[in-house]
Amino acid sequence: MDGTPKIRAFGRLLNYRRNTLGLTAKEVAERIGLKKNNSVLSWENGECFPCDILLSKISVVYEIPLSDLVEVLVMSKGAKEEEKRYHLNARRNGKPVRRNPEEFFNGRIENLVDITRLNF
């Protein structure tokens, strides 16, 4: 994962809440109904997003209102898709060019959701 702030906002939110609640990734996985904690760690690292079916369980376990959780998830998914389009459209000598994520998000970070404003 490239580490851009918008894309990683969802994972950072989950990691922040898990640590605040004093839970391990294994405990979260068990409470959600997953057999292993790999999925939880992948979400927190920004490698992937959970399926929509799990969002209500995630909301309860992490004690995050579902509306706030969905807001951050949609923003993160949208940023990921926007970055993909940006990289696909960037070309040098007719060939695609992968650009630096910081260059892509330069001047656009002001839209990042501030997790401290969310009411838990």
PDB file of N, CA and C in Angstrom:
ATOM      1  N   MET A   1       0.851  -1.183   0.000  1.00  0.00           N
ATOM      2  CA  MET A   1       0.000   0.000   0.000  1.00  0.00           C
ATOM      3  C   MET A   1       0.884   1.229   0.000  1.00  0.00           C
ATOM      4  N   ASP A   2       0.411   2.271  -0.629  1.00  0.00           N
ATOM      5  CA  ASP A   2       1.250   3.436  -0.815  1.00  0.00           C
ATOM      6  C   ASP A   2       1.292   4.379   0.378  1.00  0.00           C
ATOM      7  N   GLY A   3       0.379   4.254   1.334  1.00  0.00           N
ATOM      8  CA  GLY A   3       0.451   5.048   2.540  1.00  0.00           C
ATOM      9  C   GLY A   3      -0.160   6.431   2.438  1.00  0.00           C
ATOM     10  N   THR A   4      -0.888   6.761   1.378  1.00  0.00           N
ATOM     11  CA  THR A   4      -1.489   8.077   1.282  1.00  0.00           C
ATOM     12  C   THR A   4      -2.535   8.228   2.371  1.00  0.00           C
ATOM     13  N   PRO A   5      -2.625   9.417   2.973  1.00  0.00           N
ATOM     14  CA  PRO A   5      -3.494   9.618   4.130  1.00  0.00           C
ATOM     15  C   PRO A   5      -4.961   9.279   3.903  1.00  0.00           C
ATOM     16  N   LYS A   6      -5.561   9.690   2.798  1.00  0.00           N
ATOM     17  CA  LYS A   6      -6.984   9.420   2.591  1.00  0.00           C
ATOM     18  C   LYS A   6      -7.258   7.932   2.484  1.00  0.00           C
ATOM     19  N   ILE A   7      -6.428   7.228   1.761  1.00  0.00           N
ATOM     20  CA  ILE A   7      -6.635   5.798   1.575  1.00  0.00           C
ATOM     21  C   ILE A   7      -6.468   5.062   2.898  1.00  0.00           C
ATOM     22  N   ARG A   8      -5.557   5.505   3.715  1.00  0.00           N
ATOM     23  CA  ARG A   8      -5.275   4.820   4.976  1.00  0.00           C
ATOM     24  C   ARG A   8      -6.148   5.285   6.134  1.00  0.00           C
ATOM     25  N   ALA A   9      -7.017   6.267   5.920  1.00  0.00           N
ATOM     26  CA  ALA A   9      -7.832   6.815   7.015  1.00  0.00           C
ATOM     27  C   ALA A   9      -8.687   5.747   7.686  1.00  0.00           C
ATOM     28  N   PHE A  10      -9.297   4.857   6.905  1.00  0.00           N
ATOM     29  CA  PHE A  10     -10.159   3.823   7.475  1.00  0.00           C
ATOM     30  C   PHE A  10      -9.353   2.895   8.382  1.00  0.00           C
ATOM     31  N   GLY A  11      -8.214   2.432   7.901  1.00  0.00           N
ATOM     32  CA  GLY A  11      -7.369   1.541   8.691  1.00  0.00           C
ATOM     33  C   GLY A  11      -6.845   2.194   9.954  1.00  0.00           C
ATOM     34  N   ARG A  12      -6.459   3.460   9.831  1.00  0.00           N
ATOM     35  CA  ARG A  12      -5.963   4.171  11.020  1.00  0.00           C
ATOM     36  C   ARG A  12      -7.061   4.352  12.053  1.00  0.00           C
ATOM     37  N   LEU A  13      -8.281   4.595  11.585  1.00  0.00           N
ATOM     38  CA  LEU A  13      -9.409   4.720  12.506  1.00  0.00           C
ATOM     39  C   LEU A  13      -9.620   3.418  13.271  1.00  0.00           C
ATOM     40  N   LEU A  14      -9.620   2.284  12.554  1.00  0.00           N
ATOM     41  CA  LEU A  14      -9.814   0.991  13.215  1.00  0.00           C
ATOM     42  C   LEU A  14      -8.689   0.698  14.206  1.00  0.00           C
ATOM     43  N   ASN A  15      -7.462   0.964  13.801  1.00  0.00           N
ATOM     44  CA  ASN A  15      -6.317   0.721  14.677  1.00  0.00           C
ATOM     45  C   ASN A  15      -6.384   1.591  15.922  1.00  0.00           C
ATOM     46  N   TYR A  16      -6.728   2.844  15.743  1.00  0.00           N
ATOM     47  CA  TYR A  16      -6.846   3.780  16.862  1.00  0.00           C
ATOM     48  C   TYR A  16      -7.901   3.302  17.857  1.00  0.00           C
ATOM     49  N   ARG A  17      -9.080   2.921  17.350  1.00  0.00           N
ATOM     50  CA  ARG A  17     -10.153   2.478  18.233  1.00  0.00           C
ATOM     51  C   ARG A  17      -9.805   1.161  18.939  1.00  0.00           C
ATOM     52  N   ARG A  18      -9.197   0.231  18.213  1.00  0.00           N
ATOM     53  CA  ARG A  18      -8.831  -1.057  18.824  1.00  0.00           C
ATOM     54  C   ARG A  18      -7.866  -0.837  19.974  1.00  0.00           C
ATOM     55  N   ASN A  19      -6.871   0.007  19.749  1.00  0.00           N
ATOM     56  CA  ASN A  19      -5.902   0.287  20.805  1.00  0.00           C
ATOM     57  C   ASN A  19      -6.537   1.041  21.968  1.00  0.00           C
ATOM     58  N   THR A  20      -7.439   1.959  21.673  1.00  0.00           N
ATOM     59  CA  THR A  20      -8.137   2.704  22.725  1.00  0.00           C
ATOM     60  C   THR A  20      -8.979   1.769  23.592  1.00  0.00           C
ATOM     61  N   LEU A  21      -9.591   0.781  22.955  1.00  0.00           N
ATOM     62  CA  LEU A  21     -10.424  -0.185  23.684  1.00  0.00           C
ATOM     63  C   LEU A  21      -9.604  -1.281  24.361  1.00  0.00           C
ATOM     64  N   GLY A  22      -8.302  -1.328  24.072  1.00  0.00           N
ATOM     65  CA  GLY A  22      -7.433  -2.329  24.683  1.00  0.00           C
ATOM     66  C   GLY A  22      -7.638  -3.733  24.143  1.00  0.00           C
ATOM     67  N   LEU A  23      -8.034  -3.840  22.896  1.00  0.00           N
ATOM     68  CA  LEU A  23      -8.278  -5.145  22.284  1.00  0.00           C
ATOM     69  C   LEU A  23      -7.111  -5.555  21.389  1.00  0.00           C
ATOM     70  N   THR A  24      -6.906  -6.850  21.261  1.00  0.00           N
ATOM     71  CA  THR A  24      -5.934  -7.364  20.301  1.00  0.00           C
ATOM     72  C   THR A  24      -6.667  -7.611  18.980  1.00  0.00           C
ATOM     73  N   ALA A  25      -5.906  -7.751  17.909  1.00  0.00           N
ATOM     74  CA  ALA A  25      -6.505  -8.052  16.604  1.00  0.00           C
ATOM     75  C   ALA A  25      -7.232  -9.397  16.655  1.00  0.00           C
ATOM     76  N   LYS A  26      -6.692 -10.333  17.402  1.00  0.00           N
ATOM     77  CA  LYS A  26      -7.324 -11.648  17.535  1.00  0.00           C
ATOM     78  C   LYS A  26      -8.676 -11.538  18.229  1.00  0.00           C
ATOM     79  N   GLU A  27      -8.748 -10.733  19.278  1.00  0.00           N
ATOM     80  CA  GLU A  27     -10.016 -10.543  19.987  1.00  0.00           C
ATOM     81  C   GLU A  27     -11.067  -9.901  19.081  1.00  0.00           C
ATOM     82  N   VAL A  28     -10.638  -8.915  18.303  1.00  0.00           N
ATOM     83  CA  VAL A  28     -11.566  -8.264  17.371  1.00  0.00           C
ATOM     84  C   VAL A  28     -12.074  -9.271  16.350  1.00  0.00           C
ATOM     85  N   ALA A  29     -11.162 -10.057  15.788  1.00  0.00           N
ATOM     86  CA  ALA A  29     -11.543 -11.062  14.787  1.00  0.00           C
ATOM     87  C   ALA A  29     -12.568 -12.035  15.363  1.00  0.00           C
ATOM     88  N   GLU A  30     -12.338 -12.492  16.585  1.00  0.00           N
ATOM     89  CA  GLU A  30     -13.271 -13.430  17.217  1.00  0.00           C
ATOM     90  C   GLU A  30     -14.640 -12.794  17.433  1.00  0.00           C
ATOM     91  N   ARG A  31     -14.671 -11.540  17.865  1.00  0.00           N
ATOM     92  CA  ARG A  31     -15.942 -10.856  18.121  1.00  0.00           C
ATOM     93  C   ARG A  31     -16.719 -10.596  16.822  1.00  0.00           C
ATOM     94  N   ILE A  32     -15.992 -10.393  15.740  1.00  0.00           N
ATOM     95  CA  ILE A  32     -16.643 -10.172  14.443  1.00  0.00           C
ATOM     96  C   ILE A  32     -17.106 -11.492  13.848  1.00  0.00           C
ATOM     97  N   GLY A  33     -16.454 -12.588  14.247  1.00  0.00           N
ATOM     98  CA  GLY A  33     -16.807 -13.904  13.733  1.00  0.00           C
ATOM     99  C   GLY A  33     -15.842 -14.429  12.696  1.00  0.00           C
ATOM    100  N   LEU A  34     -14.627 -13.879  12.692  1.00  0.00           N
ATOM    101  CA  LEU A  34     -13.595 -14.339  11.765  1.00  0.00           C
ATOM    102  C   LEU A  34     -12.720 -15.369  12.455  1.00  0.00           C
ATOM    103  N   LYS A  35     -12.207 -16.316  11.687  1.00  0.00           N
ATOM    104  CA  LYS A  35     -11.375 -17.374  12.270  1.00  0.00           C
ATOM    105  C   LYS A  35      -9.957 -16.900  12.576  1.00  0.00           C
ATOM    106  N   LYS A  36      -9.445 -15.972  11.753  1.00  0.00           N
ATOM    107  CA  LYS A  36      -8.072 -15.485  11.945  1.00  0.00           C
ATOM    108  C   LYS A  36      -8.072 -13.965  11.996  1.00  0.00           C
ATOM    109  N   ASN A  37      -6.995 -13.413  12.552  1.00  0.00           N
ATOM    110  CA  ASN A  37      -6.900 -11.963  12.664  1.00  0.00           C
ATOM    111  C   ASN A  37      -6.243 -11.315  11.447  1.00  0.00           C
ATOM    112  N   ASN A  38      -5.908 -12.100  10.412  1.00  0.00           N
ATOM    113  CA  ASN A  38      -5.246 -11.538   9.224  1.00  0.00           C
ATOM    114  C   ASN A  38      -6.078 -10.453   8.571  1.00  0.00           C
ATOM    115  N   SER A  39      -7.391 -10.647   8.493  1.00  0.00           N
ATOM    116  CA  SER A  39      -8.260  -9.650   7.862  1.00  0.00           C
ATOM    117  C   SER A  39      -8.240  -8.342   8.634  1.00  0.00           C
ATOM    118  N   VAL A  40      -8.329  -8.434   9.947  1.00  0.00           N
ATOM    119  CA  VAL A  40      -8.322  -7.238  10.786  1.00  0.00           C
ATOM    120  C   VAL A  40      -7.029  -6.455  10.568  1.00  0.00           C
ATOM    121  N   LEU A  41      -5.911  -7.149  10.573  1.00  0.00           N
ATOM    122  CA  LEU A  41      -4.618  -6.480  10.371  1.00  0.00           C
ATOM    123  C   LEU A  41      -4.508  -5.896   8.966  1.00  0.00           C
ATOM    124  N   SER A  42      -5.053  -6.577   7.969  1.00  0.00           N
ATOM    125  CA  SER A  42      -5.031  -6.056   6.598  1.00  0.00           C
ATOM    126  C   SER A  42      -5.860  -4.779   6.481  1.00  0.00           C
ATOM    127  N   TRP A  43      -7.006  -4.728   7.160  1.00  0.00           N
ATOM    128  CA  TRP A  43      -7.821  -3.508   7.143  1.00  0.00           C
ATOM    129  C   TRP A  43      -7.059  -2.365   7.794  1.00  0.00           C
ATOM    130  N   GLU A  44      -6.459  -2.652   8.953  1.00  0.00           N
ATOM    131  CA  GLU A  44      -5.747  -1.609   9.699  1.00  0.00           C
ATOM    132  C   GLU A  44      -4.503  -1.118   8.962  1.00  0.00           C
ATOM    133  N   ASN A  45      -3.885  -1.984   8.193  1.00  0.00           N
ATOM    134  CA  ASN A  45      -2.695  -1.586   7.428  1.00  0.00           C
ATOM    135  C   ASN A  45      -3.043  -0.925   6.099  1.00  0.00           C
ATOM    136  N   GLY A  46      -4.323  -0.852   5.792  1.00  0.00           N
ATOM    137  CA  GLY A  46      -4.755  -0.215   4.553  1.00  0.00           C
ATOM    138  C   GLY A  46      -4.538  -1.060   3.321  1.00  0.00           C
ATOM    139  N   GLU A  47      -4.354  -2.358   3.498  1.00  0.00           N
ATOM    140  CA  GLU A  47      -4.118  -3.254   2.362  1.00  0.00           C
ATOM    141  C   GLU A  47      -5.412  -3.603   1.641  1.00  0.00           C
ATOM    142  N   CYS A  48      -6.521  -3.615   2.364  1.00  0.00           N
ATOM    143  CA  CYS A  48      -7.815  -3.924   1.769  1.00  0.00           C
ATOM    144  C   CYS A  48      -8.905  -3.356   2.673  1.00  0.00           C
ATOM    145  N   PHE A  49     -10.137  -3.489   2.214  1.00  0.00           N
ATOM    146  CA  PHE A  49     -11.290  -3.017   2.977  1.00  0.00           C
ATOM    147  C   PHE A  49     -12.190  -4.203   3.313  1.00  0.00           C
ATOM    148  N   PRO A  50     -12.938  -4.130   4.422  1.00  0.00           N
ATOM    149  CA  PRO A  50     -13.846  -5.230   4.759  1.00  0.00           C
ATOM    150  C   PRO A  50     -15.040  -5.247   3.813  1.00  0.00           C
ATOM    151  N   CYS A  51     -15.671  -6.414   3.694  1.00  0.00           N
ATOM    152  CA  CYS A  51     -16.887  -6.490   2.875  1.00  0.00           C
ATOM    153  C   CYS A  51     -18.010  -5.767   3.630  1.00  0.00           C
ATOM    154  N   ASP A  52     -18.959  -5.268   2.871  1.00  0.00           N
ATOM    155  CA  ASP A  52     -20.044  -4.471   3.446  1.00  0.00           C
ATOM    156  C   ASP A  52     -20.867  -5.242   4.475  1.00  0.00           C
ATOM    157  N   ILE A  53     -20.944  -6.552   4.332  1.00  0.00           N
ATOM    158  CA  ILE A  53     -21.730  -7.378   5.243  1.00  0.00           C
ATOM    159  C   ILE A  53     -21.201  -7.288   6.682  1.00  0.00           C
ATOM    160  N   LEU A  54     -19.903  -7.067   6.831  1.00  0.00           N
ATOM    161  CA  LEU A  54     -19.291  -7.027   8.167  1.00  0.00           C
ATOM    162  C   LEU A  54     -19.353  -5.658   8.841  1.00  0.00           C
ATOM    163  N   LEU A  55     -19.770  -4.621   8.126  1.00  0.00           N
ATOM    164  CA  LEU A  55     -19.700  -3.269   8.680  1.00  0.00           C
ATOM    165  C   LEU A  55     -20.488  -3.086   9.971  1.00  0.00           C
ATOM    166  N   SER A  56     -21.662  -3.671  10.071  1.00  0.00           N
ATOM    167  CA  SER A  56     -22.435  -3.492  11.306  1.00  0.00           C
ATOM    168  C   SER A  56     -21.743  -4.171  12.487  1.00  0.00           C
ATOM    169  N   LYS A  57     -21.150  -5.341  12.262  1.00  0.00           N
ATOM    170  CA  LYS A  57     -20.402  -6.013  13.338  1.00  0.00           C
ATOM    171  C   LYS A  57     -19.166  -5.202  13.720  1.00  0.00           C
ATOM    172  N   ILE A  58     -18.475  -4.686  12.721  1.00  0.00           N
ATOM    173  CA  ILE A  58     -17.288  -3.862  12.979  1.00  0.00           C
ATOM    174  C   ILE A  58     -17.684  -2.628  13.785  1.00  0.00           C
ATOM    175  N   SER A  59     -18.804  -2.017  13.433  1.00  0.00           N
ATOM    176  CA  SER A  59     -19.302  -0.843  14.140  1.00  0.00           C
ATOM    177  C   SER A  59     -19.522  -1.132  15.620  1.00  0.00           C
ATOM    178  N   VAL A  60     -20.108  -2.288  15.915  1.00  0.00           N
ATOM    179  CA  VAL A  60     -20.385  -2.665  17.307  1.00  0.00           C
ATOM    180  C   VAL A  60     -19.097  -2.970  18.060  1.00  0.00           C
ATOM    181  N   VAL A  61     -18.226  -3.776  17.473  1.00  0.00           N
ATOM    182  CA  VAL A  61     -16.987  -4.184  18.150  1.00  0.00           C
ATOM    183  C   VAL A  61     -16.083  -2.986  18.423  1.00  0.00           C
ATOM    184  N   TYR A  62     -15.943  -2.110  17.437  1.00  0.00           N
ATOM    185  CA  TYR A  62     -15.056  -0.949  17.592  1.00  0.00           C
ATOM    186  C   TYR A  62     -15.737   0.232  18.276  1.00  0.00           C
ATOM    187  N   GLU A  63     -17.058   0.092  18.541  1.00  0.00           N
ATOM    188  CA  GLU A  63     -17.845   1.149  19.182  1.00  0.00           C
ATOM    189  C   GLU A  63     -17.757   2.452  18.388  1.00  0.00           C
ATOM    190  N   ILE A  64     -17.976   2.334  17.089  1.00  0.00           N
ATOM    191  CA  ILE A  64     -17.984   3.478  16.177  1.00  0.00           C
ATOM    192  C   ILE A  64     -19.375   3.522  15.554  1.00  0.00           C
ATOM    193  N   PRO A  65     -20.050   4.680  15.586  1.00  0.00           N
ATOM    194  CA  PRO A  65     -21.350   4.753  14.920  1.00  0.00           C
ATOM    195  C   PRO A  65     -21.222   4.326  13.459  1.00  0.00           C
ATOM    196  N   LEU A  66     -22.172   3.537  13.001  1.00  0.00           N
ATOM    197  CA  LEU A  66     -22.121   3.003  11.646  1.00  0.00           C
ATOM    198  C   LEU A  66     -22.004   4.106  10.604  1.00  0.00           C
ATOM    199  N   SER A  67     -22.687   5.222  10.814  1.00  0.00           N
ATOM    200  CA  SER A  67     -22.630   6.322   9.840  1.00  0.00           C
ATOM    201  C   SER A  67     -21.214   6.888   9.729  1.00  0.00           C
ATOM    202  N   ASP A  68     -20.508   7.025  10.851  1.00  0.00           N
ATOM    203  CA  ASP A  68     -19.127   7.523  10.823  1.00  0.00           C
ATOM    204  C   ASP A  68     -18.196   6.515  10.159  1.00  0.00           C
ATOM    205  N   LEU A  69     -18.411   5.247  10.467  1.00  0.00           N
ATOM    206  CA  LEU A  69     -17.587   4.193   9.885  1.00  0.00           C
ATOM    207  C   LEU A  69     -17.741   4.176   8.361  1.00  0.00           C
ATOM    208  N   VAL A  70     -18.973   4.258   7.899  1.00  0.00           N
ATOM    209  CA  VAL A  70     -19.235   4.252   6.455  1.00  0.00           C
ATOM    210  C   VAL A  70     -18.661   5.501   5.799  1.00  0.00           C
ATOM    211  N   GLU A  71     -18.768   6.649   6.463  1.00  0.00           N
ATOM    212  CA  GLU A  71     -18.222   7.901   5.905  1.00  0.00           C
ATOM    213  C   GLU A  71     -16.725   7.773   5.632  1.00  0.00           C
ATOM    214  N   VAL A  72     -15.993   7.264   6.592  1.00  0.00           N
ATOM    215  CA  VAL A  72     -14.546   7.121   6.428  1.00  0.00           C
ATOM    216  C   VAL A  72     -14.228   6.043   5.391  1.00  0.00           C
ATOM    217  N   LEU A  73     -14.986   4.955   5.390  1.00  0.00           N
ATOM    218  CA  LEU A  73     -14.765   3.887   4.420  1.00  0.00           C
ATOM    219  C   LEU A  73     -14.994   4.375   2.991  1.00  0.00           C
ATOM    220  N   VAL A  74     -16.074   5.096   2.769  1.00  0.00           N
ATOM    221  CA  VAL A  74     -16.383   5.616   1.433  1.00  0.00           C
ATOM    222  C   VAL A  74     -15.294   6.580   0.973  1.00  0.00           C
ATOM    223  N   MET A  75     -14.839   7.443   1.878  1.00  0.00           N
ATOM    224  CA  MET A  75     -13.776   8.383   1.536  1.00  0.00           C
ATOM    225  C   MET A  75     -12.503   7.626   1.150  1.00  0.00           C
ATOM    226  N   SER A  76     -12.154   6.616   1.919  1.00  0.00           N
ATOM    227  CA  SER A  76     -10.938   5.850   1.646  1.00  0.00           C
ATOM    228  C   SER A  76     -11.033   5.085   0.333  1.00  0.00           C
ATOM    229  N   LYS A  77     -12.177   4.445   0.097  1.00  0.00           N
ATOM    230  CA  LYS A  77     -12.362   3.709  -1.152  1.00  0.00           C
ATOM    231  C   LYS A  77     -12.337   4.658  -2.352  1.00  0.00           C
ATOM    232  N   GLY A  78     -12.984   5.808  -2.201  1.00  0.00           N
ATOM    233  CA  GLY A  78     -13.005   6.794  -3.284  1.00  0.00           C
ATOM    234  C   GLY A  78     -11.619   7.304  -3.605  1.00  0.00           C
ATOM    235  N   ALA A  79     -10.820   7.542  -2.575  1.00  0.00           N
ATOM    236  CA  ALA A  79      -9.449   8.019  -2.786  1.00  0.00           C
ATOM    237  C   ALA A  79      -8.618   6.965  -3.499  1.00  0.00           C
ATOM    238  N   LYS A  80      -8.850   5.705  -3.149  1.00  0.00           N
ATOM    239  CA  LYS A  80      -8.101   4.623  -3.793  1.00  0.00           C
ATOM    240  C   LYS A  80      -8.438   4.551  -5.279  1.00  0.00           C
ATOM    241  N   GLU A  81      -9.719   4.655  -5.621  1.00  0.00           N
ATOM    242  CA  GLU A  81     -10.139   4.618  -7.024  1.00  0.00           C
ATOM    243  C   GLU A  81      -9.628   5.844  -7.778  1.00  0.00           C
ATOM    244  N   GLU A  82      -9.675   7.001  -7.129  1.00  0.00           N
ATOM    245  CA  GLU A  82      -9.192   8.226  -7.770  1.00  0.00           C
ATOM    246  C   GLU A  82      -7.697   8.139  -8.054  1.00  0.00           C
ATOM    247  N   GLU A  83      -6.956   7.564  -7.119  1.00  0.00           N
ATOM    248  CA  GLU A  83      -5.518   7.411  -7.324  1.00  0.00           C
ATOM    249  C   GLU A  83      -5.238   6.453  -8.490  1.00  0.00           C
ATOM    250  N   LYS A  84      -6.020   5.381  -8.578  1.00  0.00           N
ATOM    251  CA  LYS A  84      -5.845   4.436  -9.694  1.00  0.00           C
ATOM    252  C   LYS A  84      -6.060   5.137 -11.033  1.00  0.00           C
ATOM    253  N   ARG A  85      -7.138   5.927 -11.119  1.00  0.00           N
ATOM    254  CA  ARG A  85      -7.416   6.648 -12.364  1.00  0.00           C
ATOM    255  C   ARG A  85      -6.289   7.618 -12.697  1.00  0.00           C
ATOM    256  N   TYR A  86      -5.782   8.288 -11.670  1.00  0.00           N
ATOM    257  CA  TYR A  86      -4.696   9.238 -11.870  1.00  0.00           C
ATOM    258  C   TYR A  86      -3.470   8.542 -12.449  1.00  0.00           C
ATOM    259  N   HIS A  87      -3.112   7.408 -11.880  1.00  0.00           N
ATOM    260  CA  HIS A  87      -1.935   6.678 -12.356  1.00  0.00           C
ATOM    261  C   HIS A  87      -2.157   6.105 -13.750  1.00  0.00           C
ATOM    262  N   LEU A  88      -3.383   5.682 -14.054  1.00  0.00           N
ATOM    263  CA  LEU A  88      -3.656   5.140 -15.383  1.00  0.00           C
ATOM    264  C   LEU A  88      -3.594   6.233 -16.452  1.00  0.00           C
ATOM    265  N   ASN A  89      -3.971   7.442 -16.079  1.00  0.00           N
ATOM    266  CA  ASN A  89      -3.980   8.535 -17.047  1.00  0.00           C
ATOM    267  C   ASN A  89      -2.621   9.206 -17.211  1.00  0.00           C
ATOM    268  N   ALA A  90      -1.718   8.988 -16.283  1.00  0.00           N
ATOM    269  CA  ALA A  90      -0.388   9.599 -16.378  1.00  0.00           C
ATOM    270  C   ALA A  90       0.428   8.831 -17.415  1.00  0.00           C
ATOM    271  N   ARG A  91       0.972   9.546 -18.368  1.00  0.00           N
ATOM    272  CA  ARG A  91       1.740   8.885 -19.426  1.00  0.00           C
ATOM    273  C   ARG A  91       3.005   9.674 -19.729  1.00  0.00           C
ATOM    274  N   ARG A  92       4.042   8.931 -20.053  1.00  0.00           N
ATOM    275  CA  ARG A  92       5.296   9.524 -20.493  1.00  0.00           C
ATOM    276  C   ARG A  92       5.738   8.725 -21.701  1.00  0.00           C
ATOM    277  N   ASN A  93       5.918   9.401 -22.834  1.00  0.00           N
ATOM    278  CA  ASN A  93       6.282   8.735 -24.087  1.00  0.00           C
ATOM    279  C   ASN A  93       5.291   7.622 -24.446  1.00  0.00           C
ATOM    280  N   GLY A  94       4.007   7.870 -24.157  1.00  0.00           N
ATOM    281  CA  GLY A  94       2.977   6.906 -24.513  1.00  0.00           C
ATOM    282  C   GLY A  94       2.827   5.736 -23.558  1.00  0.00           C
ATOM    283  N   LYS A  95       3.642   5.696 -22.508  1.00  0.00           N
ATOM    284  CA  LYS A  95       3.573   4.590 -21.558  1.00  0.00           C
ATOM    285  C   LYS A  95       3.080   5.102 -20.201  1.00  0.00           C
ATOM    286  N   PRO A  96       2.288   4.289 -19.473  1.00  0.00           N
ATOM    287  CA  PRO A  96       1.817   4.713 -18.154  1.00  0.00           C
ATOM    288  C   PRO A  96       2.981   4.980 -17.200  1.00  0.00           C
ATOM    289  N   VAL A  97       2.796   5.991 -16.363  1.00  0.00           N
ATOM    290  CA  VAL A  97       3.814   6.362 -15.375  1.00  0.00           C
ATOM    291  C   VAL A  97       3.173   6.336 -13.998  1.00  0.00           C
ATOM    292  N   ARG A  98       3.809   5.667 -13.068  1.00  0.00           N
ATOM    293  CA  ARG A  98       3.315   5.661 -11.686  1.00  0.00           C
ATOM    294  C   ARG A  98       3.914   6.862 -10.981  1.00  0.00           C
ATOM    295  N   ARG A  99       3.037   7.702 -10.452  1.00  0.00           N
ATOM    296  CA  ARG A  99       3.498   8.921  -9.794  1.00  0.00           C
ATOM    297  C   ARG A  99       3.534   8.763  -8.284  1.00  0.00           C
ATOM    298  N   ASN A 100       4.278   9.635  -7.678  1.00  0.00           N
ATOM    299  CA  ASN A 100       4.428   9.676  -6.242  1.00  0.00           C
ATOM    300  C   ASN A 100       3.077  10.023  -5.600  1.00  0.00           C
ATOM    301  N   PRO A 101       2.600   9.257  -4.598  1.00  0.00           N
ATOM    302  CA  PRO A 101       1.313   9.541  -3.955  1.00  0.00           C
ATOM    303  C   PRO A 101       1.247  10.931  -3.332  1.00  0.00           C
ATOM    304  N   GLU A 102       2.345  11.417  -2.771  1.00  0.00           N
ATOM    305  CA  GLU A 102       2.345  12.744  -2.169  1.00  0.00           C
ATOM    306  C   GLU A 102       2.092  13.806  -3.231  1.00  0.00           C
ATOM    307  N   GLU A 103       2.624  13.596  -4.426  1.00  0.00           N
ATOM    308  CA  GLU A 103       2.390  14.511  -5.538  1.00  0.00           C
ATOM    309  C   GLU A 103       0.908  14.500  -5.914  1.00  0.00           C
ATOM    310  N   PHE A 104       0.323  13.302  -5.945  1.00  0.00           N
ATOM    311  CA  PHE A 104      -1.079  13.168  -6.301  1.00  0.00           C
ATOM    312  C   PHE A 104      -1.986  13.903  -5.310  1.00  0.00           C
ATOM    313  N   PHE A 105      -1.725  13.751  -4.014  1.00  0.00           N
ATOM    314  CA  PHE A 105      -2.596  14.335  -3.003  1.00  0.00           C
ATOM    315  C   PHE A 105      -2.179  15.741  -2.578  1.00  0.00           C
ATOM    316  N   ASN A 106      -1.148  16.293  -3.173  1.00  0.00           N
ATOM    317  CA  ASN A 106      -0.687  17.628  -2.821  1.00  0.00           C
ATOM    318  C   ASN A 106      -1.835  18.630  -2.963  1.00  0.00           C
ATOM    319  N   GLY A 107      -2.128  19.338  -1.882  1.00  0.00           N
ATOM    320  CA  GLY A 107      -3.179  20.338  -1.906  1.00  0.00           C
ATOM    321  C   GLY A 107      -4.577  19.774  -1.753  1.00  0.00           C
ATOM    322  N   ARG A 108      -4.718  18.475  -1.565  1.00  0.00           N
ATOM    323  CA  ARG A 108      -6.041  17.880  -1.467  1.00  0.00           C
ATOM    324  C   ARG A 108      -6.279  17.247  -0.103  1.00  0.00           C
ATOM    325  N   ILE A 109      -5.322  17.338   0.779  1.00  0.00           N
ATOM    326  CA  ILE A 109      -5.414  16.686   2.084  1.00  0.00           C
ATOM    327  C   ILE A 109      -6.462  17.353   2.984  1.00  0.00           C
ATOM    328  N   GLU A 110      -6.842  18.600   2.688  1.00  0.00           N
ATOM    329  CA  GLU A 110      -7.787  19.292   3.555  1.00  0.00           C
ATOM    330  C   GLU A 110      -9.125  18.569   3.671  1.00  0.00           C
ATOM    331  N   ASN A 111      -9.417  17.674   2.742  1.00  0.00           N
ATOM    332  CA  ASN A 111     -10.671  16.923   2.792  1.00  0.00           C
ATOM    333  C   ASN A 111     -10.580  15.673   3.660  1.00  0.00           C
ATOM    334  N   LEU A 112      -9.430  15.382   4.195  1.00  0.00           N
ATOM    335  CA  LEU A 112      -9.238  14.199   5.019  1.00  0.00           C
ATOM    336  C   LEU A 112     -10.118  14.283   6.269  1.00  0.00           C
ATOM    337  N   VAL A 113     -10.814  13.218   6.563  1.00  0.00           N
ATOM    338  CA  VAL A 113     -11.664  13.193   7.747  1.00  0.00           C
ATOM    339  C   VAL A 113     -10.776  13.173   8.986  1.00  0.00           C
ATOM    340  N   ASP A 114     -11.041  14.061   9.914  1.00  0.00           N
ATOM    341  CA  ASP A 114     -10.297  14.130  11.161  1.00  0.00           C
ATOM    342  C   ASP A 114     -10.966  13.166  12.148  1.00  0.00           C
ATOM    343  N   ILE A 115     -10.269  12.064  12.474  1.00  0.00           N
ATOM    344  CA  ILE A 115     -10.897  11.053  13.334  1.00  0.00           C
ATOM    345  C   ILE A 115     -11.179  11.583  14.736  1.00  0.00           C
ATOM    346  N   THR A 116     -10.520  12.656  15.135  1.00  0.00           N
ATOM    347  CA  THR A 116     -10.765  13.184  16.477  1.00  0.00           C
ATOM    348  C   THR A 116     -12.122  13.877  16.573  1.00  0.00           C
ATOM    349  N   ARG A 117     -12.742  14.246  15.426  1.00  0.00           N
ATOM    350  CA  ARG A 117     -14.041  14.909  15.473  1.00  0.00           C
ATOM    351  C   ARG A 117     -15.198  13.916  15.546  1.00  0.00           C
ATOM    352  N   LEU A 118     -14.903  12.652  15.289  1.00  0.00           N
ATOM    353  CA  LEU A 118     -15.956  11.644  15.321  1.00  0.00           C
ATOM    354  C   LEU A 118     -16.339  11.343  16.766  1.00  0.00           C
ATOM    355  N   ASN A 119     -17.618  11.195  17.011  1.00  0.00           N
ATOM    356  CA  ASN A 119     -18.108  10.937  18.370  1.00  0.00           C
ATOM    357  C   ASN A 119     -18.231   9.442  18.595  1.00  0.00           C
ATOM    358  N   PHE A 120     -17.459   8.923  19.548  1.00  0.00           N
ATOM    359  CA  PHE A 120     -17.511   7.503  19.850  1.00  0.00           C
ATOM    360  C   PHE A 120     -18.213   7.308  21.178  1.00  0.00           C
TER     361      PHE A 120
END
